[in-house]
Every structure is written in C-alpha cells, then in structure tokens.
Amino acid sequence: MNKPVKKIALVANVNKPAARRIVQRAAKLSAAAGMTPVTDEAKAHLADLVMVFGGDGTMLHWAREMAGSGTPIFGVNIGGMGFLTAVSGKELAKAIQAVAARKFSIESRTLLTANGKSNSKPFRLSAMNDMVISRGTVPRMIRVEVKVDGEVLTVYRCDGLVVGTPTGSTAYSLAAGGAIVAPDAGVFSITPVCPHTLSNRAVIVSQQSAVEVRMLDRQREATLSADGSDVVALVADSSIMIRRSRRKVKLARLPGSSFFQTLRQKLQWTGSHA
C-alpha cells in the first residue's frame, strides 16, 4: 500500500498561461480532500507527493530535482505531448481524489549520469531521458568514437549521438530513428543522429554497461546536453563516461493506465480494445 499523502506539493511551469489558475484549483481540491497543499517550490521536498503541472520538460526538471528522494511525482499535462504525465488537466479532480485515497501505483525509472571534463573542469550531469552530443553551429558532421565496457563499438560520423534510457526512447531517440523501449527494460539505447553511413543503426546495451564517448575532431565544435537543458562544451579527445545512476525517480500512475495505452494515445496508433 502506498504511503498516505498528507502533504502534497503543487509545482508548475510558470511559462504556461494556465499554470497559476490550475495550481490554485488544485490547492482548493487538495484541501477539500484532506491534504495540505504546498505551493512553495523550495519546500516541495518536504511533501509526500509532488504534483507537477506542465509538459515533459517540466516533468524532467522535477524528476532530476526529486531523484533519489523516494518522493513520487505525479504529472498533470498542460503542455504538449506529455509522455511522462499521468493525466490531462481536464482530469484534475479525479487525480486529486485518487491521490488522497492512495489509489495510485508507483513506477521506478532509471537515470543516467555523465562524467567528463569541459575546458579542463570536471562535470557531472544527470538525465532521465537522454544524454545528447550535438555538433556546433558549423553545419558539418562530427566524428565520435563509442566504446561499451571498454570495447570499441564504432566511430560514428553524424550530426549527433543520443544515449538514452527506456524513458527517453520516446523523445529525441525516437525522432532519430531509435526503437521504442518499454520503461521496465533494463537497457540503454545508443542512437546516431543523421549518420553518414546508412548501416549505422541504434544499438541496445545493458544498463549495467559503461558507455564511453570520445570526440575525435580537432576543428569541430560539439556540446553535451542532459535532458536538453544542462549543456557543456566538448573539445577534441574529450572523453565522456555515461553510466546508470544510483538514484531513481518514482512516477505515480493512476489505475488502468499503461505505457502501451499511452503510446497508442500519444502516437495515434490503432489497437484492439477487446
């Protein structure tokens, strides 16, 4: 049985026009359901559950904020695609009641960490979706060497490279031609973006693996980004080690929802409902 939710944090993407209004409504509904709403983002970590209003970008931000805390996050979509959110804004009242009654399940999601140096300074990034190496402003391909557990996989000539979690398989990796991976699959995907060689395809490796990526070009600019936000510059021969993080993210889901149901809905797939 889930831990009782006595205190619920309500956080939102303030750039969404509907954010303030829906948070105010959620606060009233939460109080009426017997919970204490917290709207101060600095105190979100003190709550029993964090309800996030926004799209996938907002969810990714709060996933990294709450990773390792054990506190579940519950997404309410007021953005675009919303793969990571549990319900739409129209279902807010139902969602509040379900949380108050502890009628939700918890999914544990894996994070990635990336370690390396940028301009001789060490960095460590975390991502729930993906680590992305991208070429700079000059429209020329970059060359990156990829090793898996110390063994050379290949040297990619491409516009970029995506190392993603199963959660991130429906993000940039999907747009780059990668496979969709079920969230509970214990794997990472390595997907080149616009590779020069058509035989270069996405590769699936174990989450236990260490993926090392090294920039080979001396006259090319490139960057590394984590979930499309934290960005560091890369130089020739700079080596990045990407591994599974020790921390996990807990996502709250309502009964009856599933990953495949979300796929059918978001990607407008057909499927039997029998």
Protein backbone atom coordinates (compact mmCIF):
# COMPACT_ATOMS: atom_id res chain seq x y z
CA MET A 1 0.00 0.00 0.00
CA ASN A 2 1.26 3.46 -0.83
CA LYS A 3 2.35 5.82 1.89
CA PRO A 4 -0.52 8.15 2.89
CA VAL A 5 -0.33 11.53 1.17
CA LYS A 6 -0.89 14.11 3.87
CA LYS A 7 1.14 16.89 2.30
CA ILE A 8 1.07 17.47 -1.48
CA ALA A 9 3.42 19.85 -3.29
CA LEU A 10 1.94 21.67 -6.30
CA VAL A 11 4.57 22.90 -8.76
CA ALA A 12 4.16 24.23 -12.29
CA ASN A 13 5.79 25.61 -15.38
CA VAL A 14 5.14 29.30 -14.81
CA ASN A 15 5.53 29.96 -18.54
CA LYS A 16 2.28 28.11 -19.22
CA PRO A 17 -0.64 30.59 -19.28
CA ALA A 18 -2.94 28.18 -17.43
CA ALA A 19 -0.41 27.32 -14.70
CA ARG A 20 -1.45 29.76 -11.96
CA ARG A 21 -5.14 29.05 -12.40
CA ILE A 22 -4.82 25.27 -12.32
CA VAL A 23 -2.50 25.31 -9.30
CA GLN A 24 -5.00 27.45 -7.39
CA ARG A 25 -7.76 24.99 -8.27
CA ALA A 26 -5.58 22.05 -7.27
CA ALA A 27 -4.84 23.67 -3.92
CA LYS A 28 -8.57 24.02 -3.18
CA LEU A 29 -9.31 20.44 -4.27
CA SER A 30 -6.40 19.08 -2.24
CA ALA A 31 -7.50 20.87 0.92
CA ALA A 32 -11.08 19.67 0.41
CA ALA A 33 -9.75 16.10 0.09
CA GLY A 34 -7.98 16.35 3.46
CA MET A 35 -4.44 17.04 2.23
CA THR A 36 -2.21 20.02 2.96
CA PRO A 37 -1.18 21.76 -0.29
CA VAL A 38 2.32 23.24 -0.55
CA THR A 39 2.89 25.77 -3.34
CA ASP A 40 6.36 26.95 -2.29
CA GLU A 41 8.71 25.10 -4.66
CA ALA A 42 11.58 25.39 -2.18
CA LYS A 43 9.59 23.20 0.23
CA ALA A 44 8.49 20.59 -2.33
CA HIS A 45 10.97 18.04 -0.96
CA LEU A 46 9.07 18.06 2.36
CA ALA A 47 5.87 16.74 0.75
CA ASP A 48 4.68 13.16 0.45
CA LEU A 49 4.00 13.59 -3.27
CA VAL A 50 4.83 16.27 -5.83
CA MET A 51 2.16 17.08 -8.40
CA VAL A 52 3.75 18.67 -11.46
CA PHE A 53 1.75 20.85 -13.88
CA GLY A 54 3.31 21.25 -17.31
CA GLY A 55 4.66 19.08 -20.10
CA ASP A 56 7.54 16.64 -20.37
CA GLY A 57 10.16 19.38 -19.94
CA THR A 58 8.72 20.36 -16.57
CA MET A 59 8.49 16.71 -15.56
CA LEU A 60 12.14 16.14 -16.46
CA HIS A 61 13.20 19.11 -14.35
CA TRP A 62 11.34 17.85 -11.30
CA ALA A 63 12.42 14.27 -11.91
CA ARG A 64 16.04 15.38 -11.55
CA GLU A 65 15.14 17.53 -8.54
CA MET A 66 13.44 14.66 -6.70
CA ALA A 67 15.65 11.79 -7.88
CA GLY A 68 16.79 9.59 -5.03
CA SER A 69 14.42 11.18 -2.53
CA GLY A 70 11.82 8.42 -2.65
CA THR A 71 9.08 11.03 -3.12
CA PRO A 72 6.85 10.21 -6.11
CA ILE A 73 6.00 12.80 -8.73
CA PHE A 74 2.61 12.93 -10.45
CA GLY A 75 2.36 14.74 -13.77
CA VAL A 76 -0.66 16.72 -14.93
CA ASN A 77 -0.29 17.65 -18.59
CA ILE A 78 -0.90 21.28 -19.51
CA GLY A 79 1.78 21.16 -22.21
CA GLY A 80 2.26 19.33 -25.49
CA MET A 81 2.90 15.60 -25.92
CA GLY A 82 3.10 14.73 -22.22
CA PHE A 83 4.52 11.20 -22.34
CA LEU A 84 5.65 11.43 -18.71
CA THR A 85 2.48 12.92 -17.27
CA ALA A 86 -0.20 10.76 -15.67
CA VAL A 87 -3.34 12.70 -16.60
CA SER A 88 -4.51 15.74 -18.52
CA GLY A 89 -5.57 18.96 -16.86
CA LYS A 90 -9.21 18.02 -17.51
CA GLU A 91 -8.83 15.07 -15.14
CA LEU A 92 -7.51 17.12 -12.22
CA ALA A 93 -10.41 16.46 -9.82
CA LYS A 94 -10.20 12.70 -10.41
CA ALA A 95 -6.44 12.79 -9.93
CA ILE A 96 -6.65 14.67 -6.62
CA GLN A 97 -9.22 12.21 -5.29
CA ALA A 98 -7.10 9.24 -6.35
CA VAL A 99 -4.01 10.66 -4.66
CA ALA A 100 -5.91 11.42 -1.45
CA ALA A 101 -7.32 7.87 -1.44
CA ARG A 102 -3.88 6.38 -2.21
CA LYS A 103 -5.28 4.81 -5.37
CA PHE A 104 -2.17 5.09 -7.49
CA SER A 105 0.79 2.92 -8.39
CA ILE A 106 4.48 3.74 -8.47
CA GLU A 107 6.86 3.20 -11.39
CA SER A 108 10.59 3.34 -10.78
CA ARG A 109 12.56 4.98 -13.61
CA THR A 110 16.31 4.85 -14.26
CA LEU A 111 18.55 7.90 -14.65
CA LEU A 112 21.83 8.37 -16.50
CA THR A 113 24.95 10.12 -15.27
CA ALA A 114 27.69 11.55 -17.47
CA ASN A 115 31.16 12.39 -16.20
CA GLY A 116 33.94 14.18 -18.04
CA LYS A 117 35.82 17.45 -18.41
CA SER A 118 34.86 20.67 -20.18
CA ASN A 119 37.58 23.31 -20.58
CA SER A 120 39.69 21.30 -18.10
CA LYS A 121 36.96 21.48 -15.47
CA PRO A 122 35.25 18.25 -14.33
CA PHE A 123 31.48 17.96 -14.72
CA ARG A 124 28.78 15.52 -13.72
CA LEU A 125 25.33 15.62 -15.34
CA SER A 126 22.15 13.64 -14.66
CA ALA A 127 19.35 12.85 -17.09
CA MET A 128 16.10 10.93 -17.00
CA ASN A 129 15.65 10.89 -20.79
CA ASP A 130 18.99 11.15 -22.52
CA MET A 131 22.50 12.47 -22.93
CA VAL A 132 22.89 14.10 -26.34
CA ILE A 133 26.11 15.01 -28.12
CA SER A 134 25.44 17.59 -30.83
CA ARG A 135 27.55 19.32 -33.45
CA GLY A 136 28.09 23.04 -33.06
CA THR A 137 26.94 25.92 -35.23
CA VAL A 138 29.07 24.86 -38.22
CA PRO A 139 26.87 22.55 -40.36
CA ARG A 140 29.42 19.74 -40.60
CA MET A 141 29.36 16.24 -39.22
CA ILE A 142 31.35 15.27 -36.17
CA ARG A 143 33.24 12.06 -35.52
CA VAL A 144 32.71 10.29 -32.20
CA GLU A 145 34.23 7.03 -31.02
CA VAL A 146 31.95 4.90 -28.87
CA LYS A 147 33.15 2.18 -26.50
CA VAL A 148 30.94 -0.18 -24.49
CA ASP A 149 32.61 -1.62 -21.38
CA GLY A 150 35.99 -0.71 -22.82
CA GLU A 151 35.46 -2.33 -26.23
CA VAL A 152 35.19 -0.15 -29.33
CA LEU A 153 31.71 -0.27 -30.83
CA THR A 154 32.34 2.02 -33.81
CA VAL A 155 33.27 5.53 -34.91
CA TYR A 156 30.18 7.46 -35.92
CA ARG A 157 30.22 10.29 -38.46
CA CYS A 158 26.96 12.04 -37.68
CA ASP A 159 25.21 15.21 -36.60
CA GLY A 160 24.93 13.91 -33.08
CA LEU A 161 24.56 10.93 -30.77
CA VAL A 162 21.82 10.09 -28.29
CA VAL A 163 22.44 7.79 -25.31
CA GLY A 164 19.03 7.27 -23.79
CA THR A 165 17.11 5.46 -21.09
CA PRO A 166 13.93 3.49 -21.80
CA THR A 167 12.02 6.57 -20.60
CA GLY A 168 13.86 8.66 -23.19
CA SER A 169 13.14 6.26 -26.04
CA THR A 170 10.02 8.26 -26.93
CA ALA A 171 11.97 11.54 -27.02
CA TYR A 172 14.91 12.56 -29.25
CA SER A 173 15.96 8.94 -29.79
CA LEU A 174 12.60 8.20 -31.43
CA ALA A 175 12.94 11.23 -33.73
CA ALA A 176 16.42 9.99 -34.70
CA GLY A 177 15.09 6.57 -35.70
CA GLY A 178 15.67 4.67 -32.47
CA ALA A 179 13.44 1.94 -31.09
CA ILE A 180 10.69 2.50 -28.56
CA VAL A 181 11.68 0.71 -25.35
CA ALA A 182 9.37 -0.35 -22.53
CA PRO A 183 10.13 1.56 -19.30
CA ASP A 184 10.98 -1.56 -17.30
CA ALA A 185 13.50 -2.89 -19.84
CA GLY A 186 16.98 -2.96 -18.31
CA VAL A 187 18.73 -1.36 -21.28
CA PHE A 188 20.16 1.82 -22.76
CA SER A 189 20.00 2.86 -26.41
CA ILE A 190 22.80 4.40 -28.47
CA THR A 191 21.32 6.21 -31.47
CA PRO A 192 23.23 8.25 -34.07
CA VAL A 193 21.56 11.40 -35.42
CA CYS A 194 21.72 11.58 -39.25
CA PRO A 195 24.67 9.17 -39.59
CA HIS A 196 26.80 9.38 -42.73
CA THR A 197 26.81 5.59 -43.10
CA LEU A 198 23.37 4.07 -43.60
CA SER A 199 24.45 0.85 -41.88
CA ASN A 200 24.93 2.76 -38.61
CA ARG A 201 21.87 1.95 -36.55
CA ALA A 202 20.72 2.28 -32.97
CA VAL A 203 22.37 -0.21 -30.62
CA ILE A 204 20.77 -1.52 -27.43
CA VAL A 205 23.06 -2.33 -24.48
CA SER A 206 22.59 -3.44 -20.89
CA GLN A 207 22.03 -0.84 -18.19
CA GLN A 208 24.98 -2.42 -16.43
CA SER A 209 27.24 -1.21 -19.24
CA ALA A 210 29.54 1.80 -19.21
CA VAL A 211 29.33 3.79 -22.45
CA GLU A 212 32.37 5.92 -23.27
CA VAL A 213 32.09 8.57 -25.98
CA ARG A 214 35.14 10.45 -27.29
CA MET A 215 35.23 13.41 -29.66
CA LEU A 216 37.77 12.90 -32.44
CA ASP A 217 37.60 16.14 -34.44
CA ARG A 218 40.00 18.94 -33.54
CA GLN A 219 38.33 21.60 -35.67
CA ARG A 220 34.71 20.92 -34.81
CA GLU A 221 32.54 22.32 -32.06
CA ALA A 222 30.30 19.99 -30.11
CA THR A 223 28.22 20.04 -26.94
CA LEU A 224 26.81 17.58 -24.44
CA SER A 225 23.34 18.19 -23.02
CA ALA A 226 21.38 16.35 -20.34
CA ASP A 227 17.63 16.17 -21.00
CA GLY A 228 18.02 19.11 -23.37
CA SER A 229 18.94 21.54 -20.60
CA ASP A 230 22.33 21.38 -18.83
CA VAL A 231 24.89 21.94 -21.61
CA VAL A 232 28.69 21.69 -21.60
CA ALA A 233 31.18 22.27 -24.43
CA LEU A 234 33.28 19.39 -25.73
CA VAL A 235 36.75 19.52 -27.28
CA ALA A 236 38.81 17.02 -29.28
CA ASP A 237 39.84 13.91 -27.35
CA SER A 238 37.46 14.78 -24.54
CA SER A 239 36.06 11.58 -23.13
CA ILE A 240 32.63 11.21 -21.55
CA MET A 241 31.65 8.22 -19.41
CA ILE A 242 27.91 7.50 -19.29
CA ARG A 243 26.50 5.06 -16.75
CA ARG A 244 23.34 4.20 -14.89
CA SER A 245 22.80 6.47 -11.91
CA ARG A 246 22.41 5.04 -8.42
CA ARG A 247 19.40 7.32 -7.99
CA LYS A 248 15.96 6.54 -9.35
CA VAL A 249 12.81 8.54 -9.99
CA LYS A 250 9.40 7.43 -8.80
CA LEU A 251 6.47 8.25 -11.08
CA ALA A 252 2.90 7.98 -9.78
CA ARG A 253 0.29 6.47 -12.11
CA LEU A 254 -3.48 6.05 -11.86
CA PRO A 255 -5.02 2.55 -12.01
CA GLY A 256 -5.82 1.35 -15.51
CA SER A 257 -3.10 3.35 -17.24
CA SER A 258 -0.20 1.69 -19.04
CA PHE A 259 2.80 2.51 -21.20
CA PHE A 260 1.24 0.90 -24.28
CA GLN A 261 -2.02 2.74 -23.75
CA THR A 262 -0.04 5.98 -23.63
CA LEU A 263 1.75 5.05 -26.85
CA ARG A 264 -1.49 4.37 -28.67
CA GLN A 265 -2.95 7.65 -27.49
CA LYS A 266 0.03 9.96 -27.95
CA LEU A 267 1.22 8.49 -31.26
CA GLN A 268 -2.33 7.92 -32.54
CA TRP A 269 -1.75 4.21 -33.09
CA THR A 270 -4.61 1.81 -33.62
CA GLY A 271 -5.08 -1.23 -31.40
CA SER A 272 -7.69 -3.68 -30.22
CA HIS A 273 -9.63 -2.69 -27.11
CA ALA A 274 -11.22 -6.10 -26.74
